[in-house]
Amino acid sequence: MNSPPSPVLPDVLAPGLDLIIVGMAASAESARRGAYYAHPGNRFWPTLAAVGLTPRRLAPEEFDLLPGFGIGLTDVCKAQSGADHELDRANHDAAAVLGKIRRWRPRAVAFNSKNAAQLTLGRKVAYGRQADAIGGSSVFVLPSTSGRAVAYWDLGPWREVAQFIGRDLTG
């Protein structure tokens, strides 16, 4: 029996999380550095600090500190790295993402791209809070922090998540 491939990056999940952020897959730079959202053009770490999800801007290599701030991380594609269009669809595992959300039961789950949300939820989505929940967790779809998605960037939905879990410091 074949065992599943090792994940490119480990899940960052723990009991009692307020929020799990779901990405599509680690970028090539993140895989190389062994750290989430490590590409210099990615807005992830500055965004977390800007909306109050973390008390300061963390470096990508500090991703393991996130559970201390009530935040977890996972990806739809754990076995491969690269841009969305480079990923083998056979490595997309929506069922695993849904299982993790149901197991850890955060207050909210936020998809860091429409693509990750649509693949997991099996339907078209709009940015912002969704009408449905996953295992009791409220669902949000956020504009991707990837530099490749700059045309769709909007900090508003990120603030909405921070407000929902009581962390927005922007007023």
N, C-alpha and C. Protein backbone atom coordinates (compact mmCIF):
# COMPACT_ATOMS: atom_id res chain seq x y z
N MET A 1 0.84 -1.19 0.00
CA MET A 1 0.00 0.00 0.00
C MET A 1 0.88 1.24 0.00
N ASN A 2 0.57 2.18 -0.89
CA ASN A 2 1.35 3.41 -0.98
C ASN A 2 0.89 4.39 0.08
N SER A 3 1.85 5.04 0.72
CA SER A 3 1.50 6.07 1.69
C SER A 3 1.37 7.40 0.96
N PRO A 4 0.57 8.31 1.48
CA PRO A 4 0.42 9.61 0.82
C PRO A 4 1.74 10.36 0.82
N PRO A 5 1.94 11.23 -0.18
CA PRO A 5 3.18 12.01 -0.21
C PRO A 5 3.28 12.93 1.00
N SER A 6 4.50 13.24 1.38
CA SER A 6 4.71 14.18 2.49
C SER A 6 4.23 15.56 2.07
N PRO A 7 3.66 16.31 2.99
CA PRO A 7 3.21 17.66 2.63
C PRO A 7 4.40 18.57 2.36
N VAL A 8 4.21 19.51 1.44
CA VAL A 8 5.24 20.50 1.15
C VAL A 8 5.51 21.33 2.40
N LEU A 9 4.45 21.76 3.06
CA LEU A 9 4.54 22.48 4.34
C LEU A 9 3.60 21.80 5.32
N PRO A 10 3.97 21.74 6.59
CA PRO A 10 3.09 21.10 7.57
C PRO A 10 1.87 21.97 7.85
N ASP A 11 0.77 21.31 8.18
CA ASP A 11 -0.39 22.06 8.66
C ASP A 11 0.00 22.75 9.97
N VAL A 12 -0.61 23.90 10.21
CA VAL A 12 -0.46 24.61 11.47
C VAL A 12 -1.85 24.65 12.08
N LEU A 13 -2.19 23.61 12.83
CA LEU A 13 -3.54 23.46 13.37
C LEU A 13 -3.45 23.04 14.83
N ALA A 14 -4.42 23.49 15.62
CA ALA A 14 -4.43 23.21 17.05
C ALA A 14 -5.84 23.40 17.58
N PRO A 15 -6.13 22.85 18.75
CA PRO A 15 -7.45 23.08 19.35
C PRO A 15 -7.64 24.56 19.72
N GLY A 16 -8.88 25.01 19.69
CA GLY A 16 -9.21 26.34 20.18
C GLY A 16 -8.88 27.49 19.24
N LEU A 17 -8.65 27.22 17.96
CA LEU A 17 -8.33 28.30 17.03
C LEU A 17 -9.55 29.16 16.75
N ASP A 18 -9.32 30.44 16.56
CA ASP A 18 -10.37 31.35 16.12
C ASP A 18 -10.55 31.28 14.61
N LEU A 19 -9.46 31.02 13.89
CA LEU A 19 -9.45 31.14 12.44
C LEU A 19 -8.48 30.14 11.83
N ILE A 20 -8.93 29.45 10.78
CA ILE A 20 -8.03 28.67 9.94
C ILE A 20 -8.04 29.33 8.57
N ILE A 21 -6.85 29.66 8.07
CA ILE A 21 -6.72 30.25 6.74
C ILE A 21 -6.28 29.14 5.79
N VAL A 22 -7.03 28.99 4.70
CA VAL A 22 -6.77 27.93 3.72
C VAL A 22 -6.26 28.55 2.43
N GLY A 23 -5.05 28.18 2.05
CA GLY A 23 -4.49 28.61 0.79
C GLY A 23 -4.66 27.53 -0.26
N MET A 24 -4.22 27.81 -1.46
CA MET A 24 -4.29 26.81 -2.53
C MET A 24 -3.14 25.83 -2.42
N ALA A 25 -1.91 26.35 -2.37
CA ALA A 25 -0.71 25.52 -2.28
C ALA A 25 0.46 26.43 -1.95
N ALA A 26 1.51 25.85 -1.43
CA ALA A 26 2.74 26.61 -1.18
C ALA A 26 3.32 27.07 -2.52
N SER A 27 3.83 28.29 -2.55
CA SER A 27 4.53 28.75 -3.74
C SER A 27 5.87 28.05 -3.83
N ALA A 28 6.52 28.16 -4.97
CA ALA A 28 7.85 27.57 -5.12
C ALA A 28 8.81 28.17 -4.09
N GLU A 29 8.71 29.48 -3.84
CA GLU A 29 9.57 30.14 -2.86
C GLU A 29 9.27 29.65 -1.44
N SER A 30 8.00 29.47 -1.12
CA SER A 30 7.63 28.94 0.20
C SER A 30 8.17 27.52 0.38
N ALA A 31 8.06 26.71 -0.65
CA ALA A 31 8.59 25.34 -0.58
C ALA A 31 10.11 25.37 -0.38
N ARG A 32 10.78 26.25 -1.11
CA ARG A 32 12.23 26.35 -1.00
C ARG A 32 12.66 26.77 0.41
N ARG A 33 11.94 27.73 0.99
CA ARG A 33 12.29 28.25 2.31
C ARG A 33 11.66 27.47 3.46
N GLY A 34 10.70 26.60 3.15
CA GLY A 34 10.02 25.84 4.20
C GLY A 34 9.16 26.71 5.09
N ALA A 35 8.53 27.73 4.49
CA ALA A 35 7.75 28.70 5.26
C ALA A 35 6.56 29.18 4.43
N TYR A 36 5.42 29.31 5.06
CA TYR A 36 4.22 29.78 4.38
C TYR A 36 4.37 31.22 3.90
N TYR A 37 3.81 31.50 2.73
CA TYR A 37 3.71 32.85 2.16
C TYR A 37 5.06 33.57 2.16
N ALA A 38 6.08 32.90 1.68
CA ALA A 38 7.45 33.41 1.77
C ALA A 38 7.89 34.28 0.58
N HIS A 39 7.15 34.29 -0.50
CA HIS A 39 7.56 35.12 -1.63
C HIS A 39 7.49 36.59 -1.23
N PRO A 40 8.53 37.36 -1.54
CA PRO A 40 8.56 38.77 -1.13
C PRO A 40 7.37 39.59 -1.64
N GLY A 41 6.76 39.20 -2.75
CA GLY A 41 5.63 39.93 -3.29
C GLY A 41 4.29 39.56 -2.68
N ASN A 42 4.28 38.60 -1.77
CA ASN A 42 3.03 38.17 -1.15
C ASN A 42 2.67 39.11 -0.01
N ARG A 43 1.41 39.52 0.06
CA ARG A 43 0.94 40.48 1.07
C ARG A 43 0.46 39.82 2.37
N PHE A 44 0.58 38.51 2.50
CA PHE A 44 -0.02 37.80 3.62
C PHE A 44 0.42 38.34 4.97
N TRP A 45 1.71 38.36 5.24
CA TRP A 45 2.19 38.76 6.57
C TRP A 45 1.91 40.22 6.88
N PRO A 46 2.12 41.16 5.94
CA PRO A 46 1.75 42.55 6.23
C PRO A 46 0.24 42.71 6.46
N THR A 47 -0.57 41.92 5.74
CA THR A 47 -2.02 42.02 5.88
C THR A 47 -2.47 41.56 7.26
N LEU A 48 -1.94 40.43 7.73
CA LEU A 48 -2.31 39.96 9.07
C LEU A 48 -2.07 41.03 10.12
N ALA A 49 -0.92 41.69 10.04
CA ALA A 49 -0.60 42.75 11.01
C ALA A 49 -1.48 43.98 10.79
N ALA A 50 -1.71 44.35 9.53
CA ALA A 50 -2.48 45.56 9.23
C ALA A 50 -3.91 45.50 9.76
N VAL A 51 -4.52 44.30 9.74
CA VAL A 51 -5.91 44.20 10.20
C VAL A 51 -6.01 43.72 11.64
N GLY A 52 -4.89 43.52 12.30
CA GLY A 52 -4.90 43.16 13.71
C GLY A 52 -4.99 41.68 14.01
N LEU A 53 -4.84 40.83 13.01
CA LEU A 53 -4.86 39.39 13.27
C LEU A 53 -3.59 38.94 14.00
N THR A 54 -2.49 39.66 13.80
CA THR A 54 -1.27 39.45 14.57
C THR A 54 -0.84 40.80 15.13
N PRO A 55 -0.14 40.82 16.27
CA PRO A 55 0.23 42.09 16.88
C PRO A 55 1.38 42.81 16.18
N ARG A 56 2.07 42.09 15.29
CA ARG A 56 3.17 42.69 14.53
C ARG A 56 3.32 41.90 13.24
N ARG A 57 4.09 42.44 12.33
CA ARG A 57 4.35 41.71 11.09
C ARG A 57 5.33 40.57 11.40
N LEU A 58 4.88 39.36 11.16
CA LEU A 58 5.73 38.19 11.36
C LEU A 58 6.52 37.92 10.09
N ALA A 59 7.67 37.31 10.24
CA ALA A 59 8.43 36.81 9.09
C ALA A 59 7.83 35.47 8.69
N PRO A 60 7.93 35.10 7.43
CA PRO A 60 7.39 33.81 7.01
C PRO A 60 7.88 32.63 7.85
N GLU A 61 9.12 32.67 8.27
CA GLU A 61 9.68 31.58 9.06
C GLU A 61 9.10 31.51 10.48
N GLU A 62 8.31 32.50 10.86
CA GLU A 62 7.65 32.50 12.16
C GLU A 62 6.23 31.93 12.10
N PHE A 63 5.88 31.28 11.01
CA PHE A 63 4.51 30.79 10.84
C PHE A 63 4.06 29.90 11.97
N ASP A 64 4.98 29.21 12.63
CA ASP A 64 4.60 28.31 13.72
C ASP A 64 4.14 29.06 14.97
N LEU A 65 4.27 30.39 14.99
CA LEU A 65 3.76 31.20 16.11
C LEU A 65 2.26 31.46 15.99
N LEU A 66 1.68 31.25 14.81
CA LEU A 66 0.29 31.63 14.58
C LEU A 66 -0.72 31.01 15.53
N PRO A 67 -0.60 29.74 15.93
CA PRO A 67 -1.60 29.22 16.88
C PRO A 67 -1.67 30.02 18.18
N GLY A 68 -0.56 30.64 18.58
CA GLY A 68 -0.55 31.49 19.76
C GLY A 68 -1.42 32.72 19.59
N PHE A 69 -1.73 33.07 18.33
CA PHE A 69 -2.62 34.19 18.02
C PHE A 69 -3.99 33.69 17.58
N GLY A 70 -4.25 32.39 17.77
CA GLY A 70 -5.54 31.81 17.43
C GLY A 70 -5.74 31.52 15.96
N ILE A 71 -4.65 31.43 15.20
CA ILE A 71 -4.74 31.26 13.75
C ILE A 71 -4.04 29.97 13.33
N GLY A 72 -4.67 29.24 12.41
CA GLY A 72 -4.08 28.04 11.83
C GLY A 72 -3.97 28.19 10.32
N LEU A 73 -3.16 27.31 9.72
CA LEU A 73 -2.94 27.34 8.27
C LEU A 73 -3.01 25.94 7.68
N THR A 74 -3.55 25.85 6.49
CA THR A 74 -3.48 24.64 5.68
C THR A 74 -3.66 25.04 4.23
N ASP A 75 -3.53 24.07 3.32
CA ASP A 75 -3.69 24.31 1.89
C ASP A 75 -4.55 23.23 1.27
N VAL A 76 -5.18 23.56 0.15
CA VAL A 76 -5.97 22.59 -0.60
C VAL A 76 -5.05 21.54 -1.21
N CYS A 77 -3.90 21.96 -1.67
CA CYS A 77 -2.92 21.06 -2.29
C CYS A 77 -1.69 21.01 -1.39
N LYS A 78 -1.57 19.94 -0.62
CA LYS A 78 -0.45 19.81 0.33
C LYS A 78 0.76 19.11 -0.28
N ALA A 79 0.57 18.38 -1.39
CA ALA A 79 1.62 17.51 -1.92
C ALA A 79 2.44 18.14 -3.03
N GLN A 80 2.13 19.37 -3.41
CA GLN A 80 2.80 19.99 -4.54
C GLN A 80 2.90 21.49 -4.29
N SER A 81 3.92 22.12 -4.86
CA SER A 81 4.06 23.57 -4.75
C SER A 81 4.01 24.19 -6.14
N GLY A 82 3.73 25.49 -6.16
CA GLY A 82 3.72 26.22 -7.41
C GLY A 82 2.47 27.09 -7.54
N ALA A 83 2.38 27.78 -8.67
CA ALA A 83 1.22 28.61 -8.97
C ALA A 83 0.02 27.71 -9.26
N ASP A 84 -1.17 28.24 -9.08
CA ASP A 84 -2.40 27.45 -9.25
C ASP A 84 -2.42 26.69 -10.58
N HIS A 85 -2.05 27.35 -11.67
CA HIS A 85 -2.13 26.72 -13.00
C HIS A 85 -1.08 25.63 -13.19
N GLU A 86 -0.09 25.55 -12.31
CA GLU A 86 0.95 24.53 -12.40
C GLU A 86 0.62 23.26 -11.62
N LEU A 87 -0.42 23.30 -10.80
CA LEU A 87 -0.73 22.19 -9.91
C LEU A 87 -1.51 21.09 -10.61
N ASP A 88 -1.18 19.87 -10.28
CA ASP A 88 -1.91 18.71 -10.78
C ASP A 88 -3.21 18.59 -10.00
N ARG A 89 -4.33 18.63 -10.70
CA ARG A 89 -5.63 18.58 -10.03
C ARG A 89 -5.79 17.32 -9.18
N ALA A 90 -5.07 16.28 -9.49
CA ALA A 90 -5.13 15.05 -8.69
C ALA A 90 -4.61 15.29 -7.27
N ASN A 91 -3.84 16.36 -7.07
CA ASN A 91 -3.31 16.68 -5.74
C ASN A 91 -4.20 17.62 -4.93
N HIS A 92 -5.31 18.08 -5.52
CA HIS A 92 -6.27 18.92 -4.79
C HIS A 92 -7.07 18.00 -3.87
N ASP A 93 -7.15 18.37 -2.60
CA ASP A 93 -7.84 17.49 -1.65
C ASP A 93 -8.85 18.29 -0.82
N ALA A 94 -9.96 18.62 -1.45
CA ALA A 94 -11.01 19.38 -0.77
C ALA A 94 -11.56 18.61 0.41
N ALA A 95 -11.69 17.30 0.28
CA ALA A 95 -12.23 16.48 1.38
C ALA A 95 -11.35 16.58 2.61
N ALA A 96 -10.04 16.61 2.42
CA ALA A 96 -9.12 16.72 3.56
C ALA A 96 -9.28 18.08 4.23
N VAL A 97 -9.43 19.14 3.44
CA VAL A 97 -9.63 20.48 4.01
C VAL A 97 -10.90 20.51 4.84
N LEU A 98 -11.98 20.01 4.29
CA LEU A 98 -13.26 20.00 5.02
C LEU A 98 -13.15 19.17 6.30
N GLY A 99 -12.44 18.05 6.23
CA GLY A 99 -12.24 17.23 7.42
C GLY A 99 -11.44 17.94 8.50
N LYS A 100 -10.43 18.69 8.10
CA LYS A 100 -9.62 19.44 9.07
C LYS A 100 -10.47 20.52 9.75
N ILE A 101 -11.30 21.20 8.96
CA ILE A 101 -12.14 22.25 9.54
C ILE A 101 -13.12 21.63 10.54
N ARG A 102 -13.72 20.52 10.16
CA ARG A 102 -14.68 19.87 11.06
C ARG A 102 -13.99 19.31 12.31
N ARG A 103 -12.77 18.84 12.16
CA ARG A 103 -12.03 18.30 13.31
C ARG A 103 -11.64 19.40 14.29
N TRP A 104 -11.07 20.50 13.78
CA TRP A 104 -10.52 21.54 14.65
C TRP A 104 -11.54 22.58 15.07
N ARG A 105 -12.65 22.71 14.32
CA ARG A 105 -13.78 23.57 14.68
C ARG A 105 -13.40 25.01 15.07
N PRO A 106 -12.70 25.73 14.19
CA PRO A 106 -12.42 27.14 14.50
C PRO A 106 -13.70 27.96 14.42
N ARG A 107 -13.68 29.14 14.97
CA ARG A 107 -14.84 30.03 14.84
C ARG A 107 -15.08 30.37 13.37
N ALA A 108 -13.99 30.52 12.62
CA ALA A 108 -14.11 30.89 11.21
C ALA A 108 -13.03 30.20 10.38
N VAL A 109 -13.34 30.02 9.12
CA VAL A 109 -12.36 29.56 8.14
C VAL A 109 -12.36 30.60 7.02
N ALA A 110 -11.16 30.96 6.57
CA ALA A 110 -11.03 31.96 5.52
C ALA A 110 -10.17 31.39 4.40
N PHE A 111 -10.70 31.43 3.20
CA PHE A 111 -9.96 30.97 2.03
C PHE A 111 -9.19 32.14 1.45
N ASN A 112 -7.89 31.95 1.29
CA ASN A 112 -7.01 33.00 0.78
C ASN A 112 -6.98 32.95 -0.75
N SER A 113 -8.15 32.87 -1.35
CA SER A 113 -8.35 32.99 -2.80
C SER A 113 -9.71 32.39 -3.15
N LYS A 114 -10.31 32.93 -4.20
CA LYS A 114 -11.56 32.36 -4.70
C LYS A 114 -11.33 30.95 -5.20
N ASN A 115 -10.19 30.71 -5.84
CA ASN A 115 -9.91 29.40 -6.41
C ASN A 115 -9.91 28.33 -5.31
N ALA A 116 -9.22 28.58 -4.22
CA ALA A 116 -9.18 27.61 -3.12
C ALA A 116 -10.57 27.37 -2.55
N ALA A 117 -11.36 28.44 -2.43
CA ALA A 117 -12.72 28.32 -1.90
C ALA A 117 -13.61 27.52 -2.85
N GLN A 118 -13.56 27.85 -4.13
CA GLN A 118 -14.42 27.19 -5.10
C GLN A 118 -14.09 25.70 -5.21
N LEU A 119 -12.81 25.36 -5.17
CA LEU A 119 -12.44 23.95 -5.23
C LEU A 119 -12.91 23.20 -4.00
N THR A 120 -12.83 23.84 -2.85
CA THR A 120 -13.23 23.18 -1.60
C THR A 120 -14.74 23.11 -1.44
N LEU A 121 -15.41 24.21 -1.76
CA LEU A 121 -16.85 24.28 -1.54
C LEU A 121 -17.66 23.71 -2.71
N GLY A 122 -17.01 23.55 -3.86
CA GLY A 122 -17.69 22.96 -5.02
C GLY A 122 -18.71 23.87 -5.67
N ARG A 123 -18.50 25.19 -5.55
CA ARG A 123 -19.43 26.14 -6.15
C ARG A 123 -18.73 27.48 -6.36
N LYS A 124 -19.35 28.33 -7.17
CA LYS A 124 -18.85 29.69 -7.35
C LYS A 124 -19.05 30.47 -6.05
N VAL A 125 -18.15 31.40 -5.76
CA VAL A 125 -18.23 32.19 -4.54
C VAL A 125 -17.95 33.65 -4.86
N ALA A 126 -18.38 34.51 -3.96
CA ALA A 126 -18.05 35.93 -3.99
C ALA A 126 -17.16 36.20 -2.78
N TYR A 127 -16.44 37.30 -2.80
CA TYR A 127 -15.62 37.67 -1.65
C TYR A 127 -16.50 38.01 -0.46
N GLY A 128 -15.98 37.77 0.73
CA GLY A 128 -16.68 38.11 1.95
C GLY A 128 -17.23 36.89 2.66
N ARG A 129 -18.08 37.16 3.65
CA ARG A 129 -18.67 36.08 4.44
C ARG A 129 -19.71 35.34 3.60
N GLN A 130 -19.67 34.01 3.70
CA GLN A 130 -20.59 33.16 2.97
C GLN A 130 -21.81 32.87 3.83
N ALA A 131 -22.91 32.52 3.19
CA ALA A 131 -24.15 32.25 3.91
C ALA A 131 -24.08 30.92 4.66
N ASP A 132 -23.28 29.99 4.16
CA ASP A 132 -23.21 28.67 4.79
C ASP A 132 -22.02 28.57 5.74
N ALA A 133 -21.98 27.49 6.49
CA ALA A 133 -20.90 27.23 7.44
C ALA A 133 -20.36 25.82 7.16
N ILE A 134 -19.20 25.54 7.71
CA ILE A 134 -18.61 24.20 7.63
C ILE A 134 -18.46 23.71 9.06
N GLY A 135 -19.25 22.72 9.42
CA GLY A 135 -19.15 22.16 10.77
C GLY A 135 -19.28 23.19 11.87
N GLY A 136 -20.08 24.21 11.66
CA GLY A 136 -20.25 25.26 12.66
C GLY A 136 -19.29 26.43 12.52
N SER A 137 -18.31 26.34 11.63
CA SER A 137 -17.35 27.43 11.40
C SER A 137 -17.88 28.36 10.32
N SER A 138 -17.92 29.64 10.60
CA SER A 138 -18.30 30.62 9.58
C SER A 138 -17.25 30.63 8.48
N VAL A 139 -17.69 30.89 7.26
CA VAL A 139 -16.81 30.80 6.09
C VAL A 139 -16.67 32.17 5.43
N PHE A 140 -15.42 32.53 5.14
CA PHE A 140 -15.09 33.77 4.45
C PHE A 140 -14.23 33.45 3.23
N VAL A 141 -14.42 34.21 2.18
CA VAL A 141 -13.57 34.12 0.99
C VAL A 141 -12.86 35.46 0.86
N LEU A 142 -11.53 35.39 0.80
CA LEU A 142 -10.71 36.60 0.80
C LEU A 142 -9.95 36.74 -0.51
N PRO A 143 -9.67 37.97 -0.93
CA PRO A 143 -8.80 38.16 -2.08
C PRO A 143 -7.42 37.58 -1.78
N SER A 144 -6.87 36.89 -2.74
CA SER A 144 -5.56 36.28 -2.56
C SER A 144 -4.49 37.33 -2.26
N THR A 145 -3.60 36.98 -1.35
CA THR A 145 -2.48 37.88 -1.03
C THR A 145 -1.32 37.72 -2.00
N SER A 146 -1.43 36.78 -2.94
CA SER A 146 -0.37 36.56 -3.91
C SER A 146 -0.15 37.81 -4.77
N GLY A 147 1.09 38.07 -5.08
CA GLY A 147 1.42 39.17 -5.98
C GLY A 147 0.83 38.98 -7.37
N ARG A 148 0.56 37.73 -7.73
CA ARG A 148 -0.04 37.43 -9.04
C ARG A 148 -1.50 37.88 -9.10
N ALA A 149 -2.12 38.12 -7.97
CA ALA A 149 -3.54 38.48 -7.92
C ALA A 149 -3.75 39.95 -7.59
N VAL A 150 -2.80 40.80 -7.88
CA VAL A 150 -2.86 42.21 -7.50
C VAL A 150 -4.10 42.90 -8.05
N ALA A 151 -4.58 42.49 -9.20
CA ALA A 151 -5.75 43.13 -9.81
C ALA A 151 -7.02 42.94 -8.97
N TYR A 152 -7.03 41.93 -8.10
CA TYR A 152 -8.20 41.62 -7.28
C TYR A 152 -8.03 42.03 -5.82
N TRP A 153 -6.92 42.68 -5.50
CA TRP A 153 -6.60 42.96 -4.11
C TRP A 153 -7.58 43.94 -3.49
N ASP A 154 -8.01 43.61 -2.26
CA ASP A 154 -8.90 44.46 -1.48
C ASP A 154 -8.73 44.06 -0.02
N LEU A 155 -8.34 44.97 0.82
CA LEU A 155 -8.14 44.69 2.24
C LEU A 155 -9.47 44.52 2.99
N GLY A 156 -10.56 45.02 2.43
CA GLY A 156 -11.85 44.99 3.10
C GLY A 156 -12.29 43.63 3.62
N PRO A 157 -12.30 42.58 2.80
CA PRO A 157 -12.70 41.27 3.31
C PRO A 157 -11.79 40.74 4.42
N TRP A 158 -10.52 41.10 4.38
CA TRP A 158 -9.61 40.71 5.45
C TRP A 158 -9.99 41.41 6.76
N ARG A 159 -10.38 42.68 6.66
CA ARG A 159 -10.85 43.41 7.85
C ARG A 159 -12.12 42.77 8.40
N GLU A 160 -13.00 42.33 7.48
CA GLU A 160 -14.25 41.69 7.89
C GLU A 160 -13.99 40.45 8.75
N VAL A 161 -13.03 39.65 8.36
CA VAL A 161 -12.67 38.46 9.16
C VAL A 161 -12.12 38.88 10.51
N ALA A 162 -11.22 39.85 10.52
CA ALA A 162 -10.64 40.32 11.78
C ALA A 162 -11.73 40.86 12.71
N GLN A 163 -12.68 41.60 12.16
CA GLN A 163 -13.80 42.11 12.96
C GLN A 163 -14.63 40.96 13.50
N PHE A 164 -14.90 39.96 12.68
CA PHE A 164 -15.72 38.83 13.09
C PHE A 164 -15.13 38.12 14.31
N ILE A 165 -13.81 37.95 14.30
CA ILE A 165 -13.19 37.26 15.45
C ILE A 165 -12.70 38.22 16.53
N GLY A 166 -13.09 39.50 16.40
CA GLY A 166 -12.80 40.49 17.44
C GLY A 166 -11.39 41.01 17.47
N ARG A 167 -10.72 41.06 16.31
CA ARG A 167 -9.33 41.49 16.28
C ARG A 167 -9.04 42.74 15.48
N ASP A 168 -10.02 43.28 14.78
CA ASP A 168 -9.74 44.41 13.90
C ASP A 168 -9.27 45.62 14.70
N LEU A 169 -8.11 46.11 14.38
CA LEU A 169 -7.54 47.29 15.06
C LEU A 169 -7.62 48.54 14.21
N THR A 170 -8.26 48.43 13.05
CA THR A 170 -8.25 49.55 12.12
C THR A 170 -9.42 50.52 12.36
N GLY A 171 -10.27 50.19 13.32
CA GLY A 171 -11.33 51.10 13.67
C GLY A 171 -12.59 50.77 12.98
